[in-house]
Amino acid sequence: MALALRTERTEARLLPEQKKRIEQAASLKGLSISDFIVQHADEAAIKTIESHTAWVLGEKDMEFFVQILLNPPEPSARMKAAVKRYKERGGE
């Protein structure tokens, strides 16, 4: 990350042992404490977002899902009624 692109600042309160561990880890990687924290917090943020926005299906579920997409069931009477109401209210 280029220093010129950084425009936001945040602070964190650490326990003394957390600070020591972060300092040691940053030193081992040859990074400043700030760069270490930003790099790892960003990686954790990306993983967290991905885990909350992506589905991972097992083989059985994947096969079922694909078959439903390729051979969708006929709409139920309830679904047909919902579509009718939607269209009556100005839907497409």
C-alpha atoms as a PDB file:
ATOM      1  CA  MET A   1       0.000   0.000   0.000  1.00  0.00           C
ATOM      2  CA  ALA A   2       1.391   3.342  -0.966  1.00  0.00           C
ATOM      3  CA  LEU A   3       1.630   5.808   1.870  1.00  0.00           C
ATOM      4  CA  ALA A   4       0.189   8.599  -0.314  1.00  0.00           C
ATOM      5  CA  LEU A   5      -3.053   6.639  -0.743  1.00  0.00           C
ATOM      6  CA  ARG A   6      -3.752   6.318   2.960  1.00  0.00           C
ATOM      7  CA  THR A   7      -6.293   8.890   3.989  1.00  0.00           C
ATOM      8  CA  GLU A   8      -8.047   7.321   6.984  1.00  0.00           C
ATOM      9  CA  ARG A   9      -6.797   6.814  10.505  1.00  0.00           C
ATOM     10  CA  THR A  10      -8.005   4.523  13.255  1.00  0.00           C
ATOM     11  CA  GLU A  11      -6.829   3.647  16.733  1.00  0.00           C
ATOM     12  CA  ALA A  12      -6.903   0.503  18.799  1.00  0.00           C
ATOM     13  CA  ARG A  13      -6.295  -0.094  22.466  1.00  0.00           C
ATOM     14  CA  LEU A  14      -4.154  -3.154  23.102  1.00  0.00           C
ATOM     15  CA  LEU A  15      -3.254  -5.168  26.128  1.00  0.00           C
ATOM     16  CA  PRO A  16       0.499  -5.005  26.792  1.00  0.00           C
ATOM     17  CA  GLU A  17       0.972  -8.657  25.782  1.00  0.00           C
ATOM     18  CA  GLN A  18      -0.960  -8.080  22.531  1.00  0.00           C
ATOM     19  CA  LYS A  19       1.258  -5.134  21.687  1.00  0.00           C
ATOM     20  CA  LYS A  20       4.414  -7.150  22.368  1.00  0.00           C
ATOM     21  CA  ARG A  21       3.219 -10.023  20.153  1.00  0.00           C
ATOM     22  CA  ILE A  22       2.262  -7.647  17.336  1.00  0.00           C
ATOM     23  CA  GLU A  23       5.610  -5.851  17.579  1.00  0.00           C
ATOM     24  CA  GLN A  24       7.463  -9.168  17.478  1.00  0.00           C
ATOM     25  CA  ALA A  25       5.419 -10.487  14.539  1.00  0.00           C
ATOM     26  CA  ALA A  26       5.831  -7.234  12.608  1.00  0.00           C
ATOM     27  CA  SER A  27       9.579  -7.332  13.213  1.00  0.00           C
ATOM     28  CA  LEU A  28       9.787 -10.941  12.006  1.00  0.00           C
ATOM     29  CA  LYS A  29       8.034  -9.944   8.779  1.00  0.00           C
ATOM     30  CA  GLY A  30      10.093  -6.799   8.349  1.00  0.00           C
ATOM     31  CA  LEU A  31       7.045  -4.555   8.603  1.00  0.00           C
ATOM     32  CA  SER A  32       6.176  -1.570  10.695  1.00  0.00           C
ATOM     33  CA  ILE A  33       3.566  -2.214  13.365  1.00  0.00           C
ATOM     34  CA  SER A  34       1.093  -0.098  11.429  1.00  0.00           C
ATOM     35  CA  ASP A  35       1.707  -1.947   8.146  1.00  0.00           C
ATOM     36  CA  PHE A  36       1.447  -5.307   9.922  1.00  0.00           C
ATOM     37  CA  ILE A  37      -1.864  -4.397  11.562  1.00  0.00           C
ATOM     38  CA  VAL A  38      -3.335  -2.960   8.349  1.00  0.00           C
ATOM     39  CA  GLN A  39      -2.245  -5.949   6.252  1.00  0.00           C
ATOM     40  CA  HIS A  40      -3.618  -8.548   8.637  1.00  0.00           C
ATOM     41  CA  ALA A  41      -6.796  -6.667   9.505  1.00  0.00           C
ATOM     42  CA  ASP A  42      -7.546  -6.245   5.797  1.00  0.00           C
ATOM     43  CA  GLU A  43      -6.937  -9.959   5.123  1.00  0.00           C
ATOM     44  CA  ALA A  44      -9.248 -10.857   8.021  1.00  0.00           C
ATOM     45  CA  ALA A  45     -11.881  -8.426   6.738  1.00  0.00           C
ATOM     46  CA  ILE A  46     -11.794  -9.971   3.254  1.00  0.00           C
ATOM     47  CA  LYS A  47     -12.160 -13.509   4.674  1.00  0.00           C
ATOM     48  CA  THR A  48     -15.009 -12.439   6.948  1.00  0.00           C
ATOM     49  CA  ILE A  49     -16.903 -10.767   4.120  1.00  0.00           C
ATOM     50  CA  GLU A  50     -16.382 -13.769   1.839  1.00  0.00           C
ATOM     51  CA  SER A  51     -17.581 -16.191   4.505  1.00  0.00           C
ATOM     52  CA  HIS A  52     -20.773 -14.172   4.937  1.00  0.00           C
ATOM     53  CA  THR A  53     -21.491 -13.617   1.244  1.00  0.00           C
ATOM     54  CA  ALA A  54     -20.552 -16.899  -0.426  1.00  0.00           C
ATOM     55  CA  TRP A  55     -22.135 -20.314  -0.348  1.00  0.00           C
ATOM     56  CA  VAL A  56     -20.071 -23.446  -0.257  1.00  0.00           C
ATOM     57  CA  LEU A  57     -22.042 -26.560  -1.108  1.00  0.00           C
ATOM     58  CA  GLY A  58     -21.063 -30.144  -0.599  1.00  0.00           C
ATOM     59  CA  GLU A  59     -21.137 -32.461  -3.603  1.00  0.00           C
ATOM     60  CA  LYS A  60     -24.645 -33.808  -2.851  1.00  0.00           C
ATOM     61  CA  ASP A  61     -26.130 -30.331  -2.363  1.00  0.00           C
ATOM     62  CA  MET A  62     -24.322 -28.997  -5.437  1.00  0.00           C
ATOM     63  CA  GLU A  63     -25.757 -31.789  -7.604  1.00  0.00           C
ATOM     64  CA  PHE A  64     -29.269 -31.142  -6.253  1.00  0.00           C
ATOM     65  CA  PHE A  65     -28.922 -27.393  -6.876  1.00  0.00           C
ATOM     66  CA  VAL A  66     -27.692 -27.899 -10.451  1.00  0.00           C
ATOM     67  CA  GLN A  67     -30.519 -30.335 -11.211  1.00  0.00           C
ATOM     68  CA  ILE A  68     -33.125 -27.881  -9.909  1.00  0.00           C
ATOM     69  CA  LEU A  69     -31.624 -25.139 -12.091  1.00  0.00           C
ATOM     70  CA  LEU A  70     -31.573 -27.383 -15.157  1.00  0.00           C
ATOM     71  CA  ASN A  71     -35.014 -28.895 -14.521  1.00  0.00           C
ATOM     72  CA  PRO A  72     -37.044 -26.411 -12.487  1.00  0.00           C
ATOM     73  CA  PRO A  73     -40.348 -27.646 -11.058  1.00  0.00           C
ATOM     74  CA  GLU A  74     -43.620 -26.182 -12.282  1.00  0.00           C
ATOM     75  CA  PRO A  75     -44.734 -23.162 -10.246  1.00  0.00           C
ATOM     76  CA  SER A  76     -47.152 -24.031  -7.452  1.00  0.00           C
ATOM     77  CA  ALA A  77     -50.628 -22.496  -7.224  1.00  0.00           C
ATOM     78  CA  ARG A  78     -49.317 -20.294  -4.428  1.00  0.00           C
ATOM     79  CA  MET A  79     -46.433 -19.041  -6.599  1.00  0.00           C
ATOM     80  CA  LYS A  80     -48.806 -18.340  -9.498  1.00  0.00           C
ATOM     81  CA  ALA A  81     -51.084 -16.343  -7.167  1.00  0.00           C
ATOM     82  CA  ALA A  82     -48.100 -14.331  -5.896  1.00  0.00           C
ATOM     83  CA  VAL A  83     -47.034 -13.499  -9.471  1.00  0.00           C
ATOM     84  CA  LYS A  84     -50.585 -12.453 -10.315  1.00  0.00           C
ATOM     85  CA  ARG A  85     -50.717 -10.120  -7.279  1.00  0.00           C
ATOM     86  CA  TYR A  86     -47.317  -8.705  -8.187  1.00  0.00           C
ATOM     87  CA  LYS A  87     -48.449  -7.902 -11.727  1.00  0.00           C
ATOM     88  CA  GLU A  88     -51.714  -6.380 -10.494  1.00  0.00           C
ATOM     89  CA  ARG A  89     -49.714  -4.013  -8.287  1.00  0.00           C
ATOM     90  CA  GLY A  90     -47.707  -2.707 -11.207  1.00  0.00           C
ATOM     91  CA  GLY A  91     -44.921  -5.220 -11.467  1.00  0.00           C
ATOM     92  CA  GLU A  92     -43.558  -6.159 -14.861  1.00  0.00           C
END
